[in-house]
Each structure stands twice: as C-alpha cells, then as structure tokens.
Protein backbone atom coordinates (compact mmCIF):
# COMPACT_ATOMS: atom_id res chain seq x y z
CA UNK A 1 31.90 -16.29 -28.14
CA UNK A 2 35.55 -17.10 -27.93
CA UNK A 3 35.18 -15.94 -24.06
CA UNK A 4 32.24 -18.70 -23.51
CA UNK A 5 33.87 -21.53 -25.57
CA UNK A 6 36.84 -20.92 -23.61
CA UNK A 7 34.91 -21.29 -20.08
CA UNK A 8 32.80 -24.43 -21.04
CA UNK A 9 35.27 -26.68 -19.83
CA UNK A 10 35.20 -25.34 -16.36
CA UNK A 11 31.60 -25.69 -16.00
CA UNK A 12 29.54 -27.96 -13.63
CA UNK A 13 26.22 -29.41 -13.45
CA UNK A 14 25.28 -27.00 -10.79
CA UNK A 15 26.55 -24.18 -12.64
CA UNK A 16 23.52 -25.50 -15.24
CA UNK A 17 21.17 -25.56 -12.39
CA UNK A 18 21.71 -22.48 -10.89
CA UNK A 19 19.11 -20.28 -13.15
CA UNK A 20 16.51 -22.90 -11.91
CA UNK A 21 17.21 -22.61 -8.14
CA UNK A 22 17.25 -18.55 -8.93
CA UNK A 23 13.99 -18.73 -10.50
CA UNK A 24 12.34 -20.86 -7.44
CA UNK A 25 13.75 -19.02 -4.60
CA UNK A 26 13.03 -15.62 -5.69
CA UNK A 27 9.55 -14.81 -4.67
CA UNK A 28 10.84 -16.20 -1.04
CA UNK A 29 13.53 -13.39 -1.53
CA UNK A 30 11.10 -10.71 -2.15
CA UNK A 31 9.13 -12.23 0.74
CA UNK A 32 11.90 -11.82 2.90
CA UNK A 33 13.36 -8.63 1.71
CA UNK A 34 10.05 -7.14 2.51
CA UNK A 35 9.89 -8.71 6.06
CA UNK A 36 13.17 -7.58 6.73
CA UNK A 37 12.28 -3.78 5.26
CA UNK A 38 9.45 -3.53 7.99
CA UNK A 39 11.52 -4.45 10.86
CA UNK A 40 14.21 -2.35 9.91
CA UNK A 41 16.79 -5.07 9.44
CA UNK A 42 19.80 -5.02 7.46
CA UNK A 43 21.73 -8.07 6.58
CA UNK A 44 25.79 -8.14 6.28
CA UNK A 45 26.77 -11.54 4.79
CA UNK A 46 30.36 -12.18 4.86
CA UNK A 47 32.13 -15.25 3.25
CA UNK A 48 35.67 -16.30 2.08
CA UNK A 49 35.72 -19.00 -0.13
CA UNK A 50 33.25 -21.47 1.78
CA UNK A 51 36.13 -23.44 3.08
CA UNK A 52 37.71 -21.21 5.26
CA UNK A 53 37.59 -18.65 8.25
CA UNK A 54 41.33 -17.34 8.42
CA UNK A 55 41.52 -14.44 5.96
CA UNK A 56 40.01 -10.87 5.86
CA UNK A 57 36.23 -12.45 5.92
CA UNK A 58 37.06 -13.93 9.43
CA UNK A 59 38.51 -11.13 10.93
CA UNK A 60 35.92 -8.93 9.81
CA UNK A 61 33.44 -11.01 10.88
CA UNK A 62 34.96 -11.66 14.40
CA UNK A 63 35.11 -7.65 14.58
CA UNK A 64 31.60 -7.32 14.11
CA UNK A 65 30.44 -9.96 16.15
CA UNK A 66 32.41 -9.01 18.98
CA UNK A 67 31.88 -5.54 18.93
CA UNK A 68 28.94 -4.17 16.77
CA UNK A 69 26.27 -6.63 18.75
CA UNK A 70 23.45 -4.29 16.79
CA UNK A 71 24.58 -5.57 13.11
CA UNK A 72 22.97 -8.40 11.94
CA UNK A 73 25.81 -10.28 10.26
CA UNK A 74 26.33 -13.75 9.26
CA UNK A 75 28.79 -15.95 8.18
CA UNK A 76 28.80 -18.32 5.47
CA UNK A 77 31.08 -21.71 5.55
CA UNK A 78 30.87 -25.47 4.96
CA UNK A 79 29.93 -27.45 8.04
CA UNK A 80 32.80 -29.70 7.16
CA UNK A 81 35.13 -27.05 6.68
CA UNK A 82 38.38 -27.54 9.03
CA UNK A 83 37.69 -24.02 10.13
CA UNK A 84 33.78 -24.60 10.88
CA UNK A 85 34.58 -24.83 14.39
CA UNK A 86 36.74 -21.82 14.75
CA UNK A 87 34.03 -19.60 13.45
CA UNK A 88 31.01 -21.73 15.06
CA UNK A 89 30.98 -19.90 18.58
CA UNK A 90 30.87 -16.53 16.92
CA UNK A 91 27.31 -17.37 15.87
CA UNK A 92 25.10 -16.77 12.79
CA UNK A 93 26.52 -19.34 10.54
CA UNK A 94 24.78 -20.28 6.96
CA UNK A 95 26.12 -23.47 5.11
CA UNK A 96 27.60 -22.30 1.88
CA UNK A 97 25.62 -23.02 -1.46
CA UNK A 98 22.41 -23.79 0.73
CA UNK A 99 19.17 -22.54 -0.17
CA UNK A 100 19.47 -20.37 3.11
CA UNK A 101 22.83 -19.12 1.49
CA UNK A 102 20.89 -18.08 -1.70
CA UNK A 103 18.20 -16.39 0.06
CA UNK A 104 20.57 -14.23 2.51
CA UNK A 105 22.77 -13.74 -0.24
CA UNK A 106 20.02 -12.09 -2.39
CA UNK A 107 18.56 -10.36 0.64
CA UNK A 108 21.17 -8.56 1.92
CA UNK A 109 22.39 -5.28 2.71
CA UNK A 110 25.98 -6.08 2.12
CA UNK A 111 27.76 -9.40 0.67
CA UNK A 112 30.86 -9.06 1.98
CA UNK A 113 33.95 -11.33 1.00
CA UNK A 114 37.42 -11.85 0.54
CA UNK A 115 36.93 -13.76 -2.50
CA UNK A 116 35.35 -12.01 -6.07
CA UNK A 117 33.50 -15.50 -5.88
CA UNK A 118 31.66 -15.61 -2.44
CA UNK A 119 28.47 -16.42 -3.74
CA UNK A 120 26.45 -19.49 -4.07
CA UNK A 121 27.28 -20.04 -7.59
CA UNK A 122 30.04 -17.94 -9.76
CA UNK A 123 29.09 -18.27 -13.31
CA UNK A 124 25.61 -17.36 -12.53
CA UNK A 125 26.19 -14.65 -10.38
CA UNK A 126 28.52 -13.15 -12.94
CA UNK A 127 26.05 -12.83 -15.22
CA UNK A 128 23.46 -11.49 -12.47
CA UNK A 129 25.93 -8.72 -10.96
CA UNK A 130 28.32 -7.61 -13.95
CA UNK A 131 26.12 -8.35 -17.19
CA UNK A 132 22.75 -7.41 -15.60
CA UNK A 133 24.00 -5.54 -12.90
CA UNK A 134 21.16 -6.87 -10.40
CA UNK A 135 21.50 -7.64 -6.67
CA UNK A 136 24.95 -6.13 -6.58
CA UNK A 137 25.99 -4.74 -3.51
CA UNK A 138 29.30 -6.45 -2.80
CA UNK A 139 31.82 -5.66 -0.81
CA UNK A 140 35.48 -6.66 -1.77
CA UNK A 141 37.54 -7.21 1.28
CA UNK A 142 40.54 -8.81 -1.01
CA UNK A 143 42.59 -12.01 -0.25
CA UNK A 144 45.71 -10.24 -1.01
CA UNK A 145 47.05 -6.68 -1.66
CA UNK A 146 46.51 -6.18 -5.69
CA UNK A 147 50.05 -5.28 -7.24
CA UNK A 148 49.51 -6.40 -10.95
CA UNK A 149 47.26 -4.88 -13.73
CA UNK A 150 44.72 -7.59 -13.19
CA UNK A 151 41.81 -6.85 -15.36
CA UNK A 152 39.96 -9.79 -13.83
CA UNK A 153 39.36 -7.03 -11.07
CA UNK A 154 38.54 -4.02 -13.10
CA UNK A 155 35.12 -2.68 -12.71
CA UNK A 156 33.68 -3.71 -15.89
CA UNK A 157 34.42 -7.28 -14.85
CA UNK A 158 33.22 -7.29 -10.83
CA UNK A 159 30.89 -4.16 -10.45
CA UNK A 160 32.11 -4.18 -6.79
CA UNK A 161 30.10 -1.62 -4.50
CA UNK A 162 33.44 -1.28 -2.38
CA UNK A 163 37.09 -2.24 -3.26
CA UNK A 164 38.91 -2.21 0.05
CA UNK A 165 42.93 -1.59 -0.23
CA UNK A 166 45.19 -2.72 2.37
CA UNK A 167 48.18 -0.14 0.62
CA UNK A 168 48.22 3.58 -0.26
CA UNK A 169 50.15 2.58 -3.66
CA UNK A 170 47.49 -0.08 -4.25
CA UNK A 171 45.05 2.17 -3.63
CA UNK A 172 45.86 5.12 -6.18
CA UNK A 173 46.78 2.76 -8.87
CA UNK A 174 43.04 0.69 -8.58
CA UNK A 175 41.57 4.54 -8.52
CA UNK A 176 43.21 5.50 -11.39
CA UNK A 177 43.34 2.44 -13.60
CA UNK A 178 40.47 -0.25 -12.57
CA UNK A 179 37.68 2.19 -13.93
CA UNK A 180 35.87 2.30 -10.33
CA UNK A 181 33.37 5.22 -9.75
CA UNK A 182 34.36 7.81 -7.23
CA UNK A 183 34.33 6.21 -3.91
CA UNK A 184 33.97 2.72 -4.55
CA UNK A 185 37.82 2.05 -3.81
CA UNK A 186 38.81 3.04 -0.36
CA UNK A 187 41.95 2.52 1.54
CA UNK A 188 41.22 1.44 5.18
CA UNK A 189 43.66 -1.25 5.57
CA UNK A 190 43.07 -5.08 5.41
CA UNK A 191 41.01 -6.69 8.54
CA UNK A 192 43.37 -9.17 9.00
CA UNK A 193 46.52 -6.38 9.21
CA UNK A 194 44.59 -6.08 12.71
CA UNK A 195 46.17 -9.07 14.14
CA UNK A 196 49.69 -8.80 12.80
CA UNK A 197 51.03 -6.85 15.82
CA UNK A 198 52.92 -7.59 19.02
CA UNK A 199 53.48 -11.15 16.91
CA UNK A 200 56.10 -13.79 18.19
CA UNK A 201 58.42 -15.13 15.60
CA UNK A 202 59.79 -18.28 15.44
CA UNK A 203 63.79 -17.81 14.00
CA UNK A 204 64.15 -21.48 13.29
CA UNK A 205 61.02 -21.91 10.67
CA UNK A 206 61.67 -20.81 7.09
CA UNK A 207 58.55 -20.65 4.91
CA UNK A 208 58.39 -21.70 1.09
CA UNK A 209 55.14 -20.47 -0.30
CA UNK A 210 54.60 -20.18 -3.94
CA UNK A 211 51.54 -19.12 -5.78
CA UNK A 212 49.36 -20.67 -8.33
CA UNK A 213 49.90 -20.58 -11.85
CA UNK A 214 46.60 -20.06 -14.04
CA UNK A 215 47.88 -22.49 -16.83
CA UNK A 216 48.19 -25.22 -13.94
CA UNK A 217 46.11 -24.71 -11.40
CA UNK A 218 42.34 -24.24 -12.50
CA UNK A 219 40.14 -27.21 -12.48
CA UNK A 220 38.63 -28.15 -15.69
CA UNK A 221 35.69 -30.80 -16.44
CA UNK A 222 36.27 -34.11 -18.71
CA UNK A 223 36.34 -31.26 -21.53
CA UNK A 224 39.75 -30.16 -20.27
CA UNK A 225 43.57 -31.21 -20.97
CA UNK A 226 45.28 -33.21 -18.22
CA UNK A 227 48.60 -31.71 -17.36
CA UNK A 228 51.57 -33.76 -17.03
CA UNK A 229 52.52 -31.42 -13.85
CA UNK A 230 56.08 -33.44 -12.99
CA UNK A 231 57.33 -32.04 -16.42
CA UNK A 232 56.58 -28.07 -15.43
CA UNK A 233 59.16 -25.48 -14.51
CA UNK A 234 57.06 -24.94 -11.54
CA UNK A 235 57.53 -28.62 -10.34
CA UNK A 236 61.15 -28.60 -11.35
CA UNK A 237 62.49 -25.88 -9.80
CA UNK A 238 60.43 -25.86 -6.31
CA UNK A 239 61.54 -29.65 -6.16
CA UNK A 240 65.03 -29.18 -6.73
CA UNK A 241 65.31 -26.43 -3.92
CA UNK A 242 63.48 -28.81 -1.75
CA UNK A 243 66.37 -31.42 -2.39
CA UNK A 244 69.22 -29.38 -2.59
CA UNK A 245 71.89 -31.13 -0.90
CA UNK A 246 73.57 -28.03 0.21
CA UNK A 247 70.26 -26.26 1.86
CA UNK A 248 69.47 -30.13 3.23
CA UNK A 249 72.70 -30.08 4.83
CA UNK A 250 72.68 -26.57 6.39
CA UNK A 251 69.07 -26.84 7.91
CA UNK A 252 70.15 -30.21 9.67
CA UNK A 253 73.31 -28.57 11.12
CA UNK A 254 71.48 -25.55 12.45
CA UNK A 255 67.97 -27.20 13.35
CA UNK A 256 66.11 -25.24 11.30
CA UNK A 257 62.56 -26.22 9.88
CA UNK A 258 61.31 -25.32 6.41
CA UNK A 259 57.40 -25.39 5.71
CA UNK A 260 56.03 -25.95 1.97
CA UNK A 261 52.58 -24.44 1.84
CA UNK A 262 51.81 -24.02 -1.87
CA UNK A 263 48.78 -22.26 -3.11
CA UNK A 264 45.51 -23.77 -2.34
CA UNK A 265 45.00 -23.76 -6.17
CA UNK A 266 48.25 -25.99 -6.28
CA UNK A 267 47.65 -28.31 -3.27
CA UNK A 268 46.76 -30.97 -5.66
CA UNK A 269 49.96 -31.22 -7.03
CA UNK A 270 51.39 -31.64 -2.98
CA UNK A 271 51.75 -35.41 -3.79
CA UNK A 272 53.99 -35.20 -7.06
CA UNK A 273 56.70 -33.67 -4.73
CA UNK A 274 59.08 -35.34 -2.56
CA UNK A 275 61.87 -34.92 0.23
CA UNK A 276 63.53 -37.13 2.56
CA UNK A 277 64.73 -34.54 5.00
CA UNK A 278 62.51 -34.64 8.48
CA UNK A 279 63.30 -31.13 8.93
CA UNK A 280 61.27 -30.17 5.89
CA UNK A 281 57.32 -30.21 6.27
CA UNK A 282 54.67 -30.05 3.43
CA UNK A 283 51.60 -28.22 4.59
CA UNK A 284 48.06 -28.14 3.23
CA UNK A 285 44.81 -26.47 3.94
CA UNK A 286 44.49 -27.95 7.26
CA UNK A 287 47.05 -25.76 8.46
CA UNK A 288 46.45 -21.95 9.32
CA UNK A 289 48.38 -20.26 6.88
CA UNK A 290 48.00 -16.85 8.85
CA UNK A 291 49.42 -18.04 11.77
CA UNK A 292 52.46 -19.47 9.89
CA UNK A 293 52.96 -16.02 8.48
CA UNK A 294 52.84 -14.39 11.97
CA UNK A 295 55.56 -17.11 13.17
CA UNK A 296 57.78 -17.53 10.22
CA UNK A 297 61.14 -15.95 10.14
CA UNK A 298 61.72 -15.61 6.33
CA UNK A 299 59.59 -16.32 3.42
CA UNK A 300 60.41 -17.51 -0.08
CA UNK A 301 57.81 -16.98 -2.62
CA UNK A 302 57.67 -16.40 -6.44
CA UNK A 303 55.07 -13.60 -6.56
CA UNK A 304 52.41 -14.61 -4.08
CA UNK A 305 50.59 -11.94 -2.61
CA UNK A 306 51.05 -13.25 0.85
CA UNK A 307 54.68 -11.25 0.81
CA UNK A 308 52.89 -8.32 1.84
CA UNK A 309 51.87 -9.47 4.79
CA UNK A 310 55.24 -10.41 5.97
CA UNK A 311 56.19 -6.79 4.55
CA UNK A 312 53.80 -5.38 6.77
CA UNK A 313 55.35 -7.25 9.58
CA UNK A 314 58.82 -6.14 8.72
CA UNK A 315 60.46 -9.44 8.45
CA UNK A 316 62.78 -10.61 5.44
CA UNK A 317 61.79 -11.75 1.74
CA UNK A 318 63.07 -13.58 -0.81
CA UNK A 319 61.51 -13.53 -4.49
CA UNK A 320 62.35 -17.11 -6.14
CA UNK A 321 61.57 -15.90 -10.21
CA UNK A 322 62.04 -18.67 -12.35
CA UNK A 323 59.47 -17.68 -15.10
CA UNK A 324 58.68 -14.51 -14.73
CA UNK A 325 58.78 -13.89 -18.54
CA UNK A 326 55.92 -16.60 -18.57
CA UNK A 327 54.18 -15.35 -15.35
CA UNK A 328 53.44 -11.81 -16.85
CA UNK A 329 52.69 -12.92 -20.41
CA UNK A 330 50.36 -15.70 -19.14
CA UNK A 331 48.86 -14.67 -15.65
CA UNK A 332 49.19 -10.82 -14.35
CA UNK A 333 50.86 -7.94 -16.40
CA UNK A 334 52.76 -5.72 -14.30
CA UNK A 335 51.27 -3.10 -12.67
CA UNK A 336 52.54 -0.33 -9.98
CA UNK A 337 54.75 -2.63 -8.47
CA UNK A 338 57.89 -3.87 -9.76
CA UNK A 339 60.24 -6.56 -7.81
CA UNK A 340 63.27 -5.07 -8.91
CA UNK A 341 62.65 -1.31 -8.05
CA UNK A 342 59.85 -1.87 -5.52
CA UNK A 343 60.32 -5.56 -4.16
CA UNK A 344 61.14 -6.02 -0.14
CA UNK A 345 64.04 -8.65 -1.13
CA UNK A 346 66.38 -9.76 -3.60
CA UNK A 347 64.81 -11.33 -7.25
CA UNK A 348 66.45 -14.47 -7.68
CA UNK A 349 66.03 -16.64 -10.39
CA UNK A 350 68.20 -20.00 -9.77
CA UNK A 351 68.14 -22.55 -6.60
CA UNK A 352 72.11 -21.89 -5.53
CA UNK A 353 70.99 -18.05 -5.27
CA UNK A 354 68.28 -18.64 -3.14
CA UNK A 355 70.25 -21.35 -0.90
CA UNK A 356 73.34 -18.68 -0.37
CA UNK A 357 70.74 -16.07 0.31
CA UNK A 358 68.69 -17.91 3.05
CA UNK A 359 72.31 -18.88 4.87
CA UNK A 360 73.23 -15.00 4.85
CA UNK A 361 70.05 -14.05 6.28
CA UNK A 362 70.11 -16.70 8.77
CA UNK A 363 73.88 -15.49 10.02
CA UNK A 364 72.09 -12.04 10.17
CA UNK A 365 69.86 -13.59 12.85
CA UNK A 366 66.69 -13.05 9.95
CA UNK A 367 67.02 -9.09 10.36
CA UNK A 368 65.39 -7.37 6.68
CA UNK A 369 68.07 -5.21 5.80
CA UNK A 370 67.81 -1.80 6.18
CA UNK A 371 67.21 -1.02 2.27
CA UNK A 372 63.97 -3.24 2.40
CA UNK A 373 62.94 -2.22 5.62
CA UNK A 374 62.52 1.36 4.52
CA UNK A 375 60.56 0.27 1.33
CA UNK A 376 58.26 -1.47 3.66
CA UNK A 377 57.57 1.45 5.91
CA UNK A 378 56.98 3.65 3.08
CA UNK A 379 54.77 1.52 1.34
CA UNK A 380 52.20 0.76 4.43
CA UNK A 381 51.34 4.64 5.32
CA UNK A 382 48.41 3.11 7.73
CA UNK A 383 49.93 0.59 10.34
CA UNK A 384 47.57 0.33 13.45
CA UNK A 385 44.68 -2.11 14.67
CA UNK A 386 41.76 -0.13 13.31
CA UNK A 387 41.32 -1.60 9.99
CA UNK A 388 38.10 -3.33 10.86
CA UNK A 389 36.77 -0.62 12.46
CA UNK A 390 37.55 1.43 9.24
CA UNK A 391 35.49 -1.03 7.06
CA UNK A 392 32.78 -0.80 9.42
CA UNK A 393 32.55 2.69 9.46
CA UNK A 394 32.52 2.74 5.95
CA UNK A 395 29.63 0.30 5.39
CA UNK A 396 27.77 2.56 8.12
CA UNK A 397 28.13 5.63 5.37
CA UNK A 398 27.12 3.79 2.91
CA UNK A 399 23.83 2.69 4.30
C-alpha cells in the first residue's frame, strides 16, 4: 500500500483509461494472433521511448530491416518525433500509444526495447507483465550498461524474457545478482556499439553530460511537490563549472567548444542554467547524442552510463561526483563497478579539479592515459561490429 500511495502522484488520466482500452481491444488481439498463427507470421516490435530513434532500438531495427528481410519487424515512434523521418524510410512504422500499437504489442512474438517502458502504458503493463505475467515476451536491449545494484531491474520487477548485456562484468553480475532464470541474461554486446568503430573525433569538442536525479527529474501530477531547482547541489555545481572564469578563458584562448547536454529527464531544467560564453552551447533532445558522443574528444559526466560508450571508443573521461553519498542513498546502490577502483578516468569532487584535468588532457592531445586504457580493454571482452547479429541469432534460437 505504501508503494501504491507513493506512486499516486505520478498517475495520469491515460493510466486510468488503460484497462478499458485493453478490454476493448482484446477481442481484436485474439483474432489478429490467430490470423498471424495461420499465416506463420511472427511479429517483432521494436521501440525506444516513443520519442527517439537513436539508441539500441534504432540500430537493431535498422540492422534487421537492411539484412533480414524475412522478419516481420515494426518500429514504434511518435509521428511528431524529431527522429521520425530518420526511421520512416526503413518502413513499418507504428504510432506510439495508438490503438495499432496496442494491437501489435499484444500480438507480437517479441517486444524489443531499449527502455523498460517501451509499451503503450507503463503502469498498466507493469501489472499485466510483472504481477500477472501475461503477454510477456520482452527483450530488454538496455539504454546503458548496468553498473549499479539497480533493484528496479531485478527479475521480480521486470520478468524480461531476455536481458541483453554490453560487457562481460555486467553480464556476470546481473546473472548472479538479479534473479533471472537460466539463459534469460545474455552477453551479445549492444546494437549501437556496431556504429562506434572507425570514428572521426573533433579535437576541439568537450562534452558535459550529467545524468538525472530521481528526486529531481521525475514528473508528477498536481499532487506532487514542486522543486526549487536552482537551490539544488546539481544546479549549483554544474552552473559553477559552466561559468568558471578560468575554464571560460581557457576554452576561448584555445578555441575549444563545450557542449552541455543534461539527461533527458533533466532537460526541463535547462532553462535555469546560464552562460555568457559563445564557446559553450546548451543542447536538447533535438540533438543526436549518439553522433555527439562519437565526435567529442573528452567527456565530463557524473554517473551517466554514457561513459561506457566513451570507454568503448577508448576516449578520456572525467567523473565529476560532488554528491556521491546522496546519489548512492537515494538513487542507485553501488554494484560491481566502483568508480575509484574500476573507473576509466579520475573521480573529482570540485570545479577546480575538473578544470585542471581538462587543461591537462588538452595538453596531452586528449589521449587516454595508459592506466585507464588498460581498464577499458579489459572491460569490453567483445569489441566488434557483430552485436546486432548476435542479438538476432539469440532471438531466432528463442523462436
């Protein structure tokens, strides 16, 4: 009851209507499933979050459409999404949260998503999949490599058919700790990793990319409490870094560019940040973060799993962790990955340290120090362009 009470403030009207939509569309689903069975047609439905086509979902879908013509594969995205045109040419597009989405989601052989909630309605399908274990054939491609003790990804909270891993240590940890049945957890590599080879780096480009805070970033309804964001440590530390006089002078002198791209759940606060330097640009979800990750020379983050992509490309990383005790207490408990022991870059807690390390890295032509390069090499046992093919082969065996 406490969990239900805590989550009431997040419910919206669509969540309350979802059971009625399900009951209305269920007869159509049963007919559609029978029709597909008679035709020996098995649907693979791919999604990210309904807004994007730039993550593991997109790259896997692109691979299937271009290389496996015999698969009845569909992609779910909003028509007004900035990425719609990008994926439309691949064909078989379904409008996110439409009745067709409901129909195909409930009729597919596999529901494949980079997000836990790649479905028409998260609260309703949590009950359907996890509580009742019905219509549950989900393949979790992941959004980022899991490194923390994320109990919301335990089998009892997901019931995923397959949990795709991008690194060996991650695979071993999840298989041992998260409670999945034998063979549900698989180490294939991430689909988007296929696109992280032979990259062209822009040596003038520095990327600042902090992750979200669940006590700040989750949207509530009118029952939720409003947050004074500018009084938070998150705002104070990142805004101080963006406006640091020494850093600003340094990037102007050396014609460097800083790109500031907060997590999608923190984008609503982007308007509260400020800067006066033309060499600093604020980015939003209209920018393709996949391409930005590939071209940037160095990454400054806190706990965001995007640093794994940077490490996969063997590029330098700085961890700016000014609130790690609170983060561990309120968001994710530490898992197998300890930043001080296993991290692919220095763990720093104040602005001066971050600025000094950026300057040092620039002096070294943004080359990754050997001690961190060795850790990167050891962490990614699989490093090739066959990740999507391995996922495909896994799903074919599961047929």
